[in-house]
Amino acid sequence: MTLRFYDTASAEVRDFVPLVPGKVSLYYCGATVQGMPHVGHIRSAIAFDQLTRWLQYREFRVTVVRNVTDIDDKILAKSAASFGPDFEDEPGAVRSEEWWALAYRYEQEFLKAYDALGVSRPTYEPRATGHIPEMHALIQQLIGRGHAYPALDDSGDVYFDVRSWSEYGTLTRQRLDDMQGAQDADPRGKKDPRDFALWKGHKAGEPTTASWASPWGAGRPGWHLECSAMVTKYLGAEFDIHGGGLDLRFPHHENEMAQSQAAGHGFANFWMHNGMVTYAGEKMSKSIGNTVSPAEMLELAPPRVVRYYLGQAQYRSVLDYQPTSLQEAAAAVERIEGFTSRAARALASAEGDFDFGRHGSVPDGFAAAMDDDLNVPQALAVLHDTVRAGNTALTTGELDAARQALVSVNDMLRVLGLNDTAGPAADGQSNTALGVLVQAQLAARAQARASKDWAASDAIRDTLAAAGVIVEDGPDGASWSLKRG
């Protein structure tokens, strides 16, 4: 078994060997809670949830940290707008809402989306506002090592000196003088326009609750600093994997890496970035009206279907949303569910029960795909091949083969997080219980038919139909299925 992942910093797929044998430390960027979650946030969370689940399957003990940025310019601006005369309502918006209340409200919306789509809770989920002392300590380290300085205009800001760190730009392989946005950077109080804020001095008009005392005056942390301070507290100065969306590589992750390494930290051994979600080949944008939110997807399809769609591509690739995308995902999920329900019924009928908690091992092809930089499309191909083989075994009456296929399918579904989405479709034990109850009714109906008690037979059939169970009589007896829709 050789795990291999693509490392953004080295731009190559490398063998993954954890820093501590048997343990993996993973940090991935969570939400800046200034608005409702968008589909890119959720795709990223699903990608790193798949990574976590696969590492756990490979018997690593995984510590996962996902931060919450709960203080930010946009949070303050949105809160300030809610107090103004031109306040515009949006779903869930509250008039005259304090910044911290707004941040907490949106944080809960993210958690609802994560939970609905089966994203496992991280080991730790720290908020930026709870780690101000750690941020002060990191700033003081950087000043002491000659890589940061208080603003030249007495604003109370503190900046990272990018020219003091010769490695700046290596994550994204850019020369300092060629960096994106260099000409537009605000030069006030800086030695160089590209220097970035570690600490932001309190400004007139900002709420006093959004500032903390510091050696450089009242203020609040810069966005990039927050992650470096939190990851160091929970995972140490050097850890295995830092993840996030591709859009965070620059400037956020570039700045994180620079300030952390300049402070003397080894920081991340691997940098992993998931690709973007597009709409019919174009970047999603509110201004052109081609966005689709997780909430909208969940109105169109069950959580398991949405998770399947958002997690079906290789994590580094672009995932393109089309109007038919969820229908295609639903068809794939229905094939899987059709087999698992059919197999559970057959095994319950033959054996009286099937333990959905039973674990086996995933097929070799599935394991090889997941070991190879989480090649989920290839892993899904193995899953669907196993479903087809399982259906064939059921048709030919080979129950041992059907049982093994069902165990393997459920193991693969667990790794992909498709058994942990909200809703009854993910509850295998419920399917088994339903199968046992329906089979008991069908046995009673068969007895009634044998006794030519047609009224009793029809009554059982009508009762099942009212519950959404369709009964079909065939040469080998009665079979049943659930009514769709």
Protein backbone atom coordinates (compact mmCIF):
# COMPACT_ATOMS: atom_id res chain seq x y z
CA MET A 1 0.00 0.00 0.00
CA THR A 2 1.51 3.31 -1.15
CA LEU A 3 -0.50 6.47 -0.70
CA ARG A 4 0.32 9.18 -3.22
CA PHE A 5 -1.03 12.75 -3.24
CA TYR A 6 -0.42 15.78 -5.41
CA ASP A 7 1.53 18.45 -3.52
CA THR A 8 0.89 21.97 -4.80
CA ALA A 9 4.19 23.25 -3.40
CA SER A 10 6.33 20.78 -5.35
CA ALA A 11 3.84 20.49 -8.27
CA GLU A 12 4.10 16.70 -8.30
CA VAL A 13 2.41 13.59 -7.01
CA ARG A 14 4.50 12.33 -4.10
CA ASP A 15 4.45 9.32 -1.80
CA PHE A 16 2.67 10.25 1.40
CA VAL A 17 4.51 9.34 4.59
CA PRO A 18 3.13 10.95 7.75
CA LEU A 19 5.47 12.80 10.09
CA VAL A 20 4.38 10.53 12.97
CA PRO A 21 3.87 6.86 12.06
CA GLY A 22 0.22 5.85 12.26
CA LYS A 23 -1.05 9.42 12.66
CA VAL A 24 -2.05 12.13 10.20
CA SER A 25 -2.51 15.82 10.97
CA LEU A 26 -4.80 17.67 8.53
CA TYR A 27 -5.83 21.32 8.45
CA TYR A 28 -8.19 22.68 5.84
CA CYS A 29 -9.62 26.16 5.51
CA GLY A 30 -13.19 26.48 6.64
CA ALA A 31 -15.65 29.30 6.15
CA THR A 32 -15.45 33.04 6.49
CA VAL A 33 -18.95 33.27 7.92
CA GLN A 34 -20.15 36.46 6.24
CA GLY A 35 -22.89 34.84 4.12
CA MET A 36 -24.67 31.63 3.23
CA PRO A 37 -22.50 28.68 2.17
CA HIS A 38 -21.91 28.39 -1.56
CA VAL A 39 -21.31 25.25 -3.53
CA GLY A 40 -17.53 25.77 -3.61
CA HIS A 41 -17.36 25.70 0.19
CA ILE A 42 -19.25 22.41 0.30
CA ARG A 43 -17.28 20.79 -2.50
CA SER A 44 -14.07 21.56 -0.61
CA ALA A 45 -15.44 20.12 2.63
CA ILE A 46 -16.57 16.93 0.86
CA ALA A 47 -13.17 16.53 -0.82
CA PHE A 48 -11.31 16.70 2.49
CA ASP A 49 -13.93 14.52 4.16
CA GLN A 50 -13.23 11.86 1.51
CA LEU A 51 -9.51 12.24 2.20
CA THR A 52 -10.09 11.85 5.94
CA ARG A 53 -12.29 8.79 5.51
CA TRP A 54 -9.75 7.11 3.24
CA LEU A 55 -6.89 7.78 5.65
CA GLN A 56 -9.02 6.32 8.45
CA TYR A 57 -9.81 3.28 6.31
CA ARG A 58 -6.05 2.88 5.88
CA GLU A 59 -5.93 2.77 9.71
CA PHE A 60 -4.37 6.14 10.37
CA ARG A 61 -5.49 8.13 13.37
CA VAL A 62 -6.46 11.44 11.77
CA THR A 63 -6.64 14.77 13.59
CA VAL A 64 -8.65 17.23 11.51
CA VAL A 65 -8.77 20.98 12.10
CA ARG A 66 -11.19 23.19 10.16
CA ASN A 67 -11.21 26.85 11.16
CA VAL A 68 -14.01 29.39 11.29
CA THR A 69 -13.10 32.96 10.33
CA ASP A 70 -15.61 34.89 12.43
CA ILE A 71 -14.02 38.37 12.20
CA ASP A 72 -13.42 39.94 8.82
CA ASP A 73 -13.96 43.14 6.80
CA LYS A 74 -16.99 41.66 5.02
CA ILE A 75 -18.59 40.52 8.28
CA LEU A 76 -18.26 44.03 9.70
CA ALA A 77 -19.53 45.63 6.49
CA LYS A 78 -22.59 43.39 6.33
CA SER A 79 -23.38 44.01 9.98
CA ALA A 80 -23.00 47.78 9.50
CA ALA A 81 -25.36 47.66 6.51
CA SER A 82 -28.04 46.00 8.65
CA PHE A 83 -28.11 49.13 10.85
CA GLY A 84 -28.43 51.54 7.91
CA PRO A 85 -31.48 52.98 6.14
CA ASP A 86 -30.66 51.15 2.89
CA PHE A 87 -30.62 47.71 4.46
CA GLU A 88 -31.63 45.05 1.90
CA ASP A 89 -33.16 41.85 3.16
CA GLU A 90 -31.73 38.45 2.20
CA PRO A 91 -32.82 35.01 3.38
CA GLY A 92 -32.32 34.91 7.14
CA ALA A 93 -31.05 38.49 7.39
CA VAL A 94 -31.76 40.34 10.61
CA ARG A 95 -32.22 44.07 10.96
CA SER A 96 -29.66 45.78 13.25
CA GLU A 97 -27.56 42.65 13.68
CA GLU A 98 -24.29 42.83 15.61
CA TRP A 99 -21.28 41.45 13.74
CA TRP A 100 -20.76 38.58 16.15
CA ALA A 101 -24.43 37.55 15.93
CA LEU A 102 -24.29 37.65 12.13
CA ALA A 103 -21.15 35.51 12.11
CA TYR A 104 -22.68 32.95 14.46
CA ARG A 105 -25.91 32.76 12.43
CA TYR A 106 -24.03 32.00 9.23
CA GLU A 107 -21.74 29.57 11.04
CA GLN A 108 -24.83 27.54 11.91
CA GLU A 109 -25.93 27.54 8.27
CA PHE A 110 -22.58 26.04 7.28
CA LEU A 111 -22.92 23.34 9.93
CA LYS A 112 -26.42 22.48 8.69
CA ALA A 113 -25.11 22.05 5.14
CA TYR A 114 -22.10 20.00 6.29
CA ASP A 115 -24.29 17.73 8.40
CA ALA A 116 -26.96 17.26 5.72
CA LEU A 117 -24.31 16.15 3.23
CA GLY A 118 -22.50 13.79 5.57
CA VAL A 119 -19.35 15.84 6.16
CA SER A 120 -17.81 14.50 9.37
CA ARG A 121 -17.28 17.00 12.16
CA PRO A 122 -13.58 17.88 12.51
CA THR A 123 -11.59 16.99 15.59
CA TYR A 124 -11.32 20.71 16.36
CA GLU A 125 -13.14 23.67 14.81
CA PRO A 126 -11.52 26.79 16.26
CA ARG A 127 -12.85 30.31 15.78
CA ALA A 128 -10.43 33.10 14.99
CA THR A 129 -11.78 35.31 17.78
CA GLY A 130 -10.86 32.67 20.35
CA HIS A 131 -7.14 32.74 19.49
CA ILE A 132 -6.01 36.36 19.78
CA PRO A 133 -3.17 35.64 22.27
CA GLU A 134 -1.66 33.04 19.90
CA MET A 135 -1.81 35.60 17.09
CA HIS A 136 -0.04 38.22 19.20
CA ALA A 137 2.71 35.72 19.98
CA LEU A 138 3.21 34.89 16.31
CA ILE A 139 3.40 38.59 15.35
CA GLN A 140 5.99 39.21 18.05
CA GLN A 141 8.04 36.27 16.75
CA LEU A 142 8.01 37.73 13.26
CA ILE A 143 8.95 41.21 14.44
CA GLY A 144 11.76 39.74 16.52
CA ARG A 145 13.10 37.82 13.53
CA GLY A 146 13.03 40.90 11.30
CA HIS A 147 10.09 39.81 9.10
CA ALA A 148 7.35 42.16 10.34
CA TYR A 149 7.06 45.80 11.39
CA PRO A 150 4.49 48.25 12.82
CA ALA A 151 2.98 50.47 10.13
CA LEU A 152 4.96 53.56 9.20
CA ASP A 153 1.88 55.81 9.49
CA ASP A 154 1.03 55.05 13.17
CA SER A 155 -2.28 53.46 12.13
CA GLY A 156 -1.81 50.55 14.53
CA ASP A 157 -1.40 48.10 11.64
CA VAL A 158 1.42 45.54 11.61
CA TYR A 159 2.71 44.21 8.28
CA PHE A 160 4.70 41.23 7.07
CA ASP A 161 7.78 42.37 5.16
CA VAL A 162 7.64 40.26 1.99
CA ARG A 163 11.11 41.36 0.81
CA SER A 164 12.61 40.08 4.04
CA TRP A 165 11.67 36.52 3.13
CA SER A 166 13.45 35.27 0.03
CA GLU A 167 11.14 32.27 -0.31
CA TYR A 168 8.03 34.43 -0.73
CA GLY A 169 6.14 33.29 -3.83
CA THR A 170 7.40 29.70 -3.92
CA LEU A 171 4.01 28.06 -3.29
CA THR A 172 2.52 29.59 -6.43
CA ARG A 173 5.87 29.92 -8.24
CA GLN A 174 5.66 33.68 -8.75
CA ARG A 175 8.30 36.39 -8.73
CA LEU A 176 7.54 39.09 -6.20
CA ASP A 177 7.59 41.89 -8.77
CA ASP A 178 5.19 40.01 -11.06
CA MET A 179 2.58 39.09 -8.45
CA GLN A 180 -1.11 39.45 -9.13
CA GLY A 181 -2.53 42.78 -8.03
CA ALA A 182 0.86 44.25 -7.20
CA GLN A 183 -0.01 47.55 -8.87
CA ASP A 184 -3.32 47.82 -6.99
CA ALA A 185 -2.04 47.04 -3.49
CA ASP A 186 -2.68 49.74 -0.90
CA PRO A 187 0.76 51.24 -0.07
CA ARG A 188 -0.25 53.22 3.03
CA GLY A 189 2.04 52.61 6.00
CA LYS A 190 3.96 49.90 4.14
CA LYS A 191 7.55 49.48 3.09
CA ASP A 192 6.33 47.68 -0.02
CA PRO A 193 2.79 47.72 -1.50
CA ARG A 194 2.72 43.90 -1.41
CA ASP A 195 3.34 43.70 2.34
CA PHE A 196 0.25 42.21 3.98
CA ALA A 197 -1.46 42.93 7.28
CA LEU A 198 -0.83 40.76 10.30
CA TRP A 199 -2.74 43.11 12.60
CA LYS A 200 -5.29 45.77 11.63
CA GLY A 201 -5.51 48.83 13.87
CA HIS A 202 -9.00 49.86 14.99
CA LYS A 203 -10.57 52.35 12.59
CA ALA A 204 -13.09 55.09 13.29
CA GLY A 205 -16.62 53.84 12.78
CA GLU A 206 -15.82 50.21 13.53
CA PRO A 207 -17.53 48.70 16.59
CA THR A 208 -15.33 48.59 19.68
CA THR A 209 -16.42 44.97 20.17
CA ALA A 210 -14.49 44.13 17.00
CA SER A 211 -11.12 45.11 18.44
CA TRP A 212 -8.75 43.65 21.01
CA ALA A 213 -5.93 45.23 22.98
CA SER A 214 -2.45 44.49 21.65
CA PRO A 215 1.14 45.75 22.03
CA TRP A 216 0.52 47.79 18.82
CA GLY A 217 -2.81 49.26 19.87
CA ALA A 218 -6.42 48.10 19.70
CA GLY A 219 -7.29 46.19 16.56
CA ARG A 220 -8.04 42.82 15.06
CA PRO A 221 -6.08 40.09 13.26
CA GLY A 222 -5.38 39.88 9.55
CA TRP A 223 -7.00 36.99 7.73
CA HIS A 224 -3.79 35.17 6.79
CA LEU A 225 -2.39 35.33 10.31
CA GLU A 226 -5.44 33.64 11.83
CA CYS A 227 -4.87 30.30 10.12
CA SER A 228 -1.15 30.16 10.92
CA ALA A 229 -1.80 30.78 14.60
CA MET A 230 -4.62 28.26 14.89
CA VAL A 231 -2.98 25.43 12.98
CA THR A 232 0.18 25.78 15.07
CA LYS A 233 -1.81 25.60 18.30
CA TYR A 234 -3.67 22.42 17.36
CA LEU A 235 -1.25 20.57 15.09
CA GLY A 236 2.16 22.02 15.98
CA ALA A 237 4.81 23.91 14.04
CA GLU A 238 4.98 21.15 11.42
CA PHE A 239 2.11 18.96 10.27
CA ASP A 240 1.16 16.66 7.42
CA ILE A 241 -1.43 18.28 5.14
CA HIS A 242 -2.83 21.78 4.58
CA GLY A 243 -5.89 21.89 2.31
CA GLY A 244 -8.35 24.30 0.78
CA GLY A 245 -9.90 25.50 -2.43
CA LEU A 246 -7.74 26.34 -5.42
CA ASP A 247 -8.78 30.00 -5.13
CA LEU A 248 -7.01 30.21 -1.75
CA ARG A 249 -3.52 29.44 -3.10
CA PHE A 250 -2.82 33.13 -3.61
CA PRO A 251 -2.65 35.25 -1.66
CA HIS A 252 -4.01 33.39 1.38
CA HIS A 253 -1.94 30.22 1.41
CA GLU A 254 1.12 31.91 -0.04
CA ASN A 255 1.01 34.38 2.85
CA GLU A 256 0.29 31.68 5.42
CA MET A 257 3.30 29.66 4.32
CA ALA A 258 5.60 32.68 4.23
CA GLN A 259 4.75 34.03 7.68
CA SER A 260 4.82 30.57 9.29
CA GLN A 261 8.14 29.53 7.78
CA ALA A 262 9.60 32.97 8.50
CA ALA A 263 8.66 32.38 12.14
CA GLY A 264 10.77 29.21 12.06
CA HIS A 265 7.98 26.68 11.54
CA GLY A 266 8.27 23.78 9.13
CA PHE A 267 4.52 24.14 8.51
CA ALA A 268 2.75 21.88 5.97
CA ASN A 269 4.44 18.83 4.47
CA PHE A 270 1.78 18.63 1.74
CA TRP A 271 -0.44 21.33 0.23
CA MET A 272 -3.63 19.93 -1.33
CA HIS A 273 -6.12 22.07 -3.26
CA ASN A 274 -9.51 21.12 -4.66
CA GLY A 275 -10.75 22.49 -7.98
CA MET A 276 -13.53 24.97 -8.59
CA VAL A 277 -17.20 24.41 -9.45
CA THR A 278 -18.37 26.03 -12.69
CA TYR A 279 -21.79 26.46 -14.28
CA ALA A 280 -22.03 25.22 -17.88
CA GLY A 281 -18.33 25.90 -18.35
CA GLU A 282 -18.34 29.40 -16.86
CA LYS A 283 -17.25 30.67 -13.47
CA MET A 284 -20.19 30.99 -11.11
CA SER A 285 -21.03 34.64 -10.43
CA LYS A 286 -23.94 36.35 -8.72
CA SER A 287 -23.56 39.30 -11.09
CA ILE A 288 -24.43 37.17 -14.13
CA GLY A 289 -26.94 35.00 -12.26
CA ASN A 290 -25.43 31.57 -12.92
CA THR A 291 -24.95 30.44 -9.33
CA VAL A 292 -26.54 27.45 -7.63
CA SER A 293 -26.32 27.07 -3.87
CA PRO A 294 -26.21 23.90 -1.75
CA ALA A 295 -29.67 24.82 -0.43
CA GLU A 296 -31.01 25.01 -3.98
CA MET A 297 -29.44 21.66 -4.82
CA LEU A 298 -31.04 20.11 -1.75
CA GLU A 299 -34.43 21.36 -2.93
CA LEU A 300 -33.87 19.57 -6.24
CA ALA A 301 -32.46 16.27 -4.97
CA PRO A 302 -31.97 14.22 -1.78
CA PRO A 303 -28.75 14.80 0.21
CA ARG A 304 -27.19 11.53 -0.93
CA VAL A 305 -27.62 12.56 -4.59
CA VAL A 306 -26.14 16.02 -3.94
CA ARG A 307 -23.17 14.49 -2.12
CA TYR A 308 -22.66 12.01 -4.95
CA TYR A 309 -22.62 14.84 -7.48
CA LEU A 310 -20.28 17.12 -5.51
CA GLY A 311 -17.90 14.27 -4.68
CA GLN A 312 -17.83 12.35 -7.96
CA ALA A 313 -14.94 14.15 -9.68
CA GLN A 314 -11.25 13.86 -8.88
CA TYR A 315 -10.78 16.54 -6.24
CA ARG A 316 -8.25 18.60 -8.24
CA SER A 317 -10.39 18.81 -11.36
CA VAL A 318 -13.03 21.39 -12.25
CA LEU A 319 -16.55 20.19 -11.46
CA ASP A 320 -18.97 21.59 -14.02
CA TYR A 321 -22.62 21.94 -13.05
CA GLN A 322 -25.21 21.46 -15.80
CA PRO A 323 -29.01 21.56 -15.50
CA THR A 324 -29.02 17.76 -15.86
CA SER A 325 -26.20 17.08 -13.37
CA LEU A 326 -28.39 16.15 -10.42
CA GLN A 327 -30.62 13.97 -12.60
CA GLU A 328 -27.57 12.02 -13.74
CA ALA A 329 -26.33 11.70 -10.16
CA ALA A 330 -29.80 10.57 -9.05
CA ALA A 331 -29.81 7.83 -11.68
CA ALA A 332 -26.44 6.57 -10.45
CA VAL A 333 -27.55 6.64 -6.81
CA GLU A 334 -30.81 4.88 -7.71
CA ARG A 335 -28.84 2.01 -9.29
CA ILE A 336 -26.84 1.63 -6.09
CA GLU A 337 -29.89 1.86 -3.83
CA GLY A 338 -31.80 -0.55 -6.06
CA PHE A 339 -29.14 -3.20 -5.54
CA THR A 340 -28.68 -2.64 -1.79
CA SER A 341 -32.45 -2.76 -1.18
CA ARG A 342 -32.93 -5.81 -3.37
CA ALA A 343 -30.00 -7.63 -1.79
CA ALA A 344 -31.11 -6.77 1.73
CA ARG A 345 -34.57 -8.13 1.00
CA ALA A 346 -33.24 -11.33 -0.52
CA LEU A 347 -30.84 -11.95 2.36
CA ALA A 348 -33.48 -11.07 4.96
CA SER A 349 -35.86 -13.52 3.31
CA ALA A 350 -33.24 -16.28 3.21
CA GLU A 351 -31.44 -15.61 6.49
CA GLY A 352 -33.86 -13.49 8.52
CA ASP A 353 -31.55 -10.45 8.70
CA PHE A 354 -28.58 -8.66 7.20
CA ASP A 355 -26.15 -6.71 9.38
CA PHE A 356 -25.52 -3.38 7.63
CA GLY A 357 -22.80 -2.63 10.16
CA ARG A 358 -20.74 -5.56 8.89
CA HIS A 359 -17.33 -4.57 7.56
CA GLY A 360 -15.24 -6.34 4.99
CA SER A 361 -12.68 -4.79 2.71
CA VAL A 362 -13.10 -2.66 -0.36
CA PRO A 363 -12.16 -4.24 -3.72
CA ASP A 364 -8.52 -3.98 -4.73
CA GLY A 365 -9.37 -1.75 -7.69
CA PHE A 366 -11.20 0.69 -5.43
CA ALA A 367 -8.28 0.78 -2.99
CA ALA A 368 -5.74 1.33 -5.77
CA ALA A 369 -7.79 4.23 -7.13
CA MET A 370 -8.13 5.94 -3.76
CA ASP A 371 -4.43 5.44 -2.98
CA ASP A 372 -3.63 7.19 -6.27
CA ASP A 373 -4.35 10.80 -5.25
CA LEU A 374 -8.00 10.03 -4.42
CA ASN A 375 -9.06 8.98 -7.91
CA VAL A 376 -12.75 8.97 -7.04
CA PRO A 377 -14.03 8.56 -10.64
CA GLN A 378 -12.12 5.28 -10.94
CA ALA A 379 -13.26 4.24 -7.47
CA LEU A 380 -16.88 4.89 -8.47
CA ALA A 381 -16.39 2.74 -11.57
CA VAL A 382 -15.40 -0.14 -9.28
CA LEU A 383 -18.43 0.56 -7.08
CA HIS A 384 -20.81 0.36 -10.04
CA ASP A 385 -19.08 -2.78 -11.36
CA THR A 386 -19.68 -4.39 -7.96
CA VAL A 387 -23.34 -3.34 -8.04
CA ARG A 388 -23.75 -4.97 -11.46
CA ALA A 389 -22.04 -8.16 -10.28
CA GLY A 390 -24.26 -8.20 -7.19
CA ASN A 391 -27.42 -7.86 -9.25
CA THR A 392 -26.30 -10.72 -11.48
CA ALA A 393 -25.69 -12.89 -8.40
CA LEU A 394 -29.19 -12.12 -7.11
CA THR A 395 -30.73 -13.01 -10.46
CA THR A 396 -28.92 -16.36 -10.55
CA GLY A 397 -29.63 -17.07 -6.87
CA GLU A 398 -25.99 -16.98 -5.77
CA LEU A 399 -26.65 -15.50 -2.32
CA ASP A 400 -23.08 -15.86 -1.04
CA ALA A 401 -21.80 -13.75 -3.94
CA ALA A 402 -24.65 -11.27 -3.45
CA ARG A 403 -23.82 -11.00 0.24
CA GLN A 404 -20.16 -10.31 -0.48
CA ALA A 405 -21.10 -7.71 -3.08
CA LEU A 406 -23.43 -6.00 -0.61
CA VAL A 407 -20.73 -5.90 2.09
CA SER A 408 -18.24 -4.45 -0.41
CA VAL A 409 -20.70 -1.86 -1.70
CA ASN A 410 -21.48 -0.69 1.81
CA ASP A 411 -17.77 -0.45 2.64
CA MET A 412 -17.23 1.71 -0.45
CA LEU A 413 -20.25 3.88 0.37
CA ARG A 414 -18.87 4.46 3.87
CA VAL A 415 -15.48 5.54 2.50
CA LEU A 416 -17.16 7.98 0.11
CA GLY A 417 -19.47 9.31 2.82
CA LEU A 418 -22.59 8.24 0.95
CA ASN A 419 -23.98 6.30 3.91
CA ASP A 420 -23.84 9.31 6.21
CA THR A 421 -26.01 11.83 4.38
CA ALA A 422 -29.22 12.99 6.02
CA GLY A 423 -32.44 11.17 5.16
CA PRO A 424 -33.84 7.67 5.17
CA ALA A 425 -32.12 6.56 1.96
CA ALA A 426 -28.85 6.29 3.86
CA ASP A 427 -30.26 4.13 6.65
CA GLY A 428 -29.45 0.53 5.81
CA GLN A 429 -30.88 -0.78 9.09
CA SER A 430 -34.22 0.81 8.23
CA ASN A 431 -34.13 -0.90 4.84
CA THR A 432 -33.51 -4.24 6.53
CA ALA A 433 -36.32 -3.72 9.04
CA LEU A 434 -38.69 -2.71 6.24
CA GLY A 435 -37.71 -5.78 4.24
CA VAL A 436 -38.44 -8.13 7.16
CA LEU A 437 -41.88 -6.55 7.77
CA VAL A 438 -42.86 -6.59 4.10
CA GLN A 439 -41.70 -10.19 3.71
CA ALA A 440 -43.88 -11.15 6.67
CA GLN A 441 -46.87 -9.53 4.97
CA LEU A 442 -46.09 -11.28 1.69
CA ALA A 443 -45.84 -14.62 3.50
CA ALA A 444 -49.30 -14.01 5.03
CA ARG A 445 -50.63 -13.05 1.60
CA ALA A 446 -49.16 -16.21 0.05
CA GLN A 447 -50.90 -18.27 2.74
CA ALA A 448 -54.20 -16.49 2.03
CA ARG A 449 -53.84 -17.16 -1.70
CA ALA A 450 -53.06 -20.80 -1.04
CA SER A 451 -56.29 -20.99 0.98
CA LYS A 452 -58.14 -19.14 -1.82
CA ASP A 453 -58.96 -16.34 0.63
CA TRP A 454 -58.84 -13.69 -2.09
CA ALA A 455 -60.33 -10.98 0.11
CA ALA A 456 -57.52 -11.32 2.66
CA SER A 457 -54.91 -11.46 -0.13
CA ASP A 458 -56.26 -8.29 -1.71
CA ALA A 459 -56.45 -6.51 1.65
CA ILE A 460 -52.77 -7.18 2.33
CA ARG A 461 -51.84 -5.98 -1.14
CA ASP A 462 -53.93 -2.81 -0.71
CA THR A 463 -52.40 -2.11 2.71
CA LEU A 464 -48.90 -2.39 1.29
CA ALA A 465 -49.83 -0.21 -1.69
CA ALA A 466 -51.14 2.49 0.66
CA ALA A 467 -47.74 2.44 2.38
CA GLY A 468 -45.97 2.92 -0.93
CA VAL A 469 -44.98 -0.73 -1.45
CA ILE A 470 -45.67 -2.11 -4.92
CA VAL A 471 -46.28 -5.89 -5.08
CA GLU A 472 -45.76 -7.81 -8.30
CA ASP A 473 -46.66 -11.48 -8.73
CA GLY A 474 -44.39 -13.68 -10.82
CA PRO A 475 -43.66 -17.35 -11.50
CA ASP A 476 -41.27 -17.45 -8.54
CA GLY A 477 -43.67 -15.75 -6.15
CA ALA A 478 -44.31 -12.15 -5.20
CA SER A 479 -41.66 -9.41 -5.29
CA TRP A 480 -41.91 -5.86 -4.04
CA SER A 481 -40.44 -2.43 -4.52
CA LEU A 482 -40.95 1.05 -3.13
CA LYS A 483 -42.98 3.54 -5.12
CA ARG A 484 -40.71 6.36 -6.34
CA GLY A 485 -41.62 10.04 -5.92
